[in-house]
């Protein structure tokens, strides 16, 4: 995971201290889950 510092820099090292930023994805209502459970080993497969 990556973190943002107070100065706006993006860093990987701070993640070990529990500070992290995760990407967010907004999808419209035409997107649907085709398969998968959403885990790392079984990610979602989406369709439109």
N, C-alpha and C. Protein backbone atom coordinates (compact mmCIF):
# COMPACT_ATOMS: atom_id res chain seq x y z
N UNK A 1 0.83 -1.18 0.00
CA UNK A 1 0.00 0.00 0.00
C UNK A 1 0.87 1.24 0.00
N UNK A 2 0.30 2.31 -0.48
CA UNK A 2 1.01 3.57 -0.56
C UNK A 2 0.40 4.57 0.39
N UNK A 3 1.18 5.56 0.77
CA UNK A 3 0.70 6.61 1.66
C UNK A 3 1.00 7.97 1.08
N UNK A 4 0.23 8.95 1.50
CA UNK A 4 0.50 10.34 1.14
C UNK A 4 1.04 11.05 2.37
N UNK A 5 2.15 11.74 2.20
CA UNK A 5 2.73 12.48 3.32
C UNK A 5 2.01 13.81 3.50
N UNK A 6 2.33 14.51 4.58
CA UNK A 6 1.73 15.82 4.82
C UNK A 6 2.02 16.79 3.68
N UNK A 7 3.17 16.61 3.01
CA UNK A 7 3.55 17.48 1.91
C UNK A 7 2.95 17.08 0.58
N UNK A 8 2.18 15.98 0.56
CA UNK A 8 1.55 15.53 -0.67
C UNK A 8 2.34 14.50 -1.45
N UNK A 9 3.50 14.08 -0.92
CA UNK A 9 4.30 13.07 -1.60
C UNK A 9 3.67 11.69 -1.43
N UNK A 10 3.85 10.84 -2.43
CA UNK A 10 3.37 9.47 -2.37
C UNK A 10 4.54 8.57 -2.00
N UNK A 11 4.35 7.72 -1.01
CA UNK A 11 5.43 6.88 -0.51
C UNK A 11 4.92 5.48 -0.21
N UNK A 12 5.79 4.49 -0.30
CA UNK A 12 5.44 3.12 0.07
C UNK A 12 5.85 2.81 1.50
N UNK A 13 6.92 3.40 1.97
CA UNK A 13 7.50 3.02 3.26
C UNK A 13 6.59 3.27 4.45
N UNK A 14 5.76 4.29 4.41
CA UNK A 14 4.90 4.60 5.55
C UNK A 14 3.78 3.61 5.77
N UNK A 15 3.52 2.75 4.78
CA UNK A 15 2.42 1.80 4.91
C UNK A 15 2.63 0.84 6.07
N UNK A 16 3.88 0.58 6.42
CA UNK A 16 4.15 -0.35 7.52
C UNK A 16 3.69 0.20 8.86
N UNK A 17 3.42 1.50 8.94
CA UNK A 17 2.95 2.11 10.17
C UNK A 17 1.44 2.24 10.22
N UNK A 18 0.75 1.67 9.25
CA UNK A 18 -0.71 1.67 9.26
C UNK A 18 -1.35 2.83 8.53
N UNK A 19 -0.56 3.67 7.85
CA UNK A 19 -1.11 4.77 7.08
C UNK A 19 -1.12 4.35 5.62
N UNK A 20 -2.26 4.35 5.00
CA UNK A 20 -2.32 3.86 3.63
C UNK A 20 -3.41 4.55 2.84
N UNK A 21 -3.26 4.53 1.54
CA UNK A 21 -4.27 5.04 0.61
C UNK A 21 -4.62 3.91 -0.33
N UNK A 22 -5.90 3.68 -0.53
CA UNK A 22 -6.35 2.64 -1.44
C UNK A 22 -7.13 3.29 -2.58
N UNK A 23 -6.92 2.79 -3.78
CA UNK A 23 -7.66 3.38 -4.91
C UNK A 23 -9.16 3.09 -4.80
N UNK A 24 -9.94 4.02 -5.31
CA UNK A 24 -11.39 3.87 -5.33
C UNK A 24 -11.84 3.93 -6.77
N UNK A 25 -12.77 3.08 -7.11
CA UNK A 25 -13.27 3.01 -8.47
C UNK A 25 -14.78 3.15 -8.42
N UNK A 26 -15.31 4.14 -9.13
CA UNK A 26 -16.74 4.34 -9.20
C UNK A 26 -17.24 3.81 -10.53
N UNK A 27 -18.25 2.97 -10.49
CA UNK A 27 -18.81 2.37 -11.69
C UNK A 27 -20.27 2.80 -11.83
N UNK A 28 -20.72 2.96 -13.06
CA UNK A 28 -22.13 3.31 -13.23
C UNK A 28 -22.99 2.04 -13.20
N UNK A 29 -24.28 2.21 -13.27
CA UNK A 29 -25.20 1.10 -13.08
C UNK A 29 -25.19 0.07 -14.21
N UNK A 30 -24.51 0.35 -15.33
CA UNK A 30 -24.46 -0.61 -16.42
C UNK A 30 -23.39 -1.68 -16.20
N UNK A 31 -22.55 -1.53 -15.18
CA UNK A 31 -21.49 -2.48 -14.89
C UNK A 31 -22.01 -3.52 -13.90
N UNK A 32 -21.69 -4.79 -14.16
CA UNK A 32 -22.18 -5.86 -13.29
C UNK A 32 -21.09 -6.92 -13.12
N UNK A 33 -21.19 -7.69 -12.05
CA UNK A 33 -20.23 -8.75 -11.77
C UNK A 33 -20.61 -9.99 -12.57
N UNK A 34 -19.66 -10.49 -13.38
CA UNK A 34 -19.87 -11.69 -14.17
C UNK A 34 -19.47 -12.92 -13.36
N UNK A 35 -18.35 -12.82 -12.65
CA UNK A 35 -17.83 -13.97 -11.90
C UNK A 35 -16.85 -13.47 -10.85
N UNK A 36 -16.45 -14.34 -9.95
CA UNK A 36 -15.44 -14.04 -8.94
C UNK A 36 -16.05 -13.63 -7.61
N UNK A 37 -15.25 -13.79 -6.56
CA UNK A 37 -15.71 -13.46 -5.21
C UNK A 37 -15.11 -12.15 -4.69
N UNK A 38 -14.17 -11.55 -5.44
CA UNK A 38 -13.58 -10.29 -5.03
C UNK A 38 -12.34 -10.44 -4.18
N UNK A 39 -11.84 -11.66 -4.00
CA UNK A 39 -10.62 -11.86 -3.24
C UNK A 39 -9.41 -11.77 -4.17
N UNK A 40 -8.21 -11.76 -3.59
CA UNK A 40 -7.00 -11.67 -4.40
C UNK A 40 -6.87 -12.88 -5.33
N UNK A 41 -7.22 -14.05 -4.83
CA UNK A 41 -7.08 -15.26 -5.64
C UNK A 41 -8.27 -15.50 -6.58
N UNK A 42 -9.37 -14.77 -6.37
CA UNK A 42 -10.56 -14.92 -7.20
C UNK A 42 -11.18 -13.54 -7.43
N UNK A 43 -10.49 -12.67 -8.20
CA UNK A 43 -10.97 -11.30 -8.38
C UNK A 43 -12.28 -11.25 -9.16
N UNK A 44 -13.00 -10.12 -8.98
CA UNK A 44 -14.22 -9.93 -9.75
C UNK A 44 -13.90 -9.84 -11.25
N UNK A 45 -14.76 -10.41 -12.04
CA UNK A 45 -14.76 -10.21 -13.48
C UNK A 45 -16.03 -9.43 -13.77
N UNK A 46 -15.88 -8.27 -14.39
CA UNK A 46 -17.04 -7.41 -14.59
C UNK A 46 -17.40 -7.32 -16.08
N UNK A 47 -18.66 -7.01 -16.33
CA UNK A 47 -19.15 -6.82 -17.69
C UNK A 47 -19.94 -5.54 -17.77
N UNK A 48 -20.28 -5.17 -19.00
CA UNK A 48 -21.08 -3.95 -19.21
C UNK A 48 -22.22 -4.25 -20.15
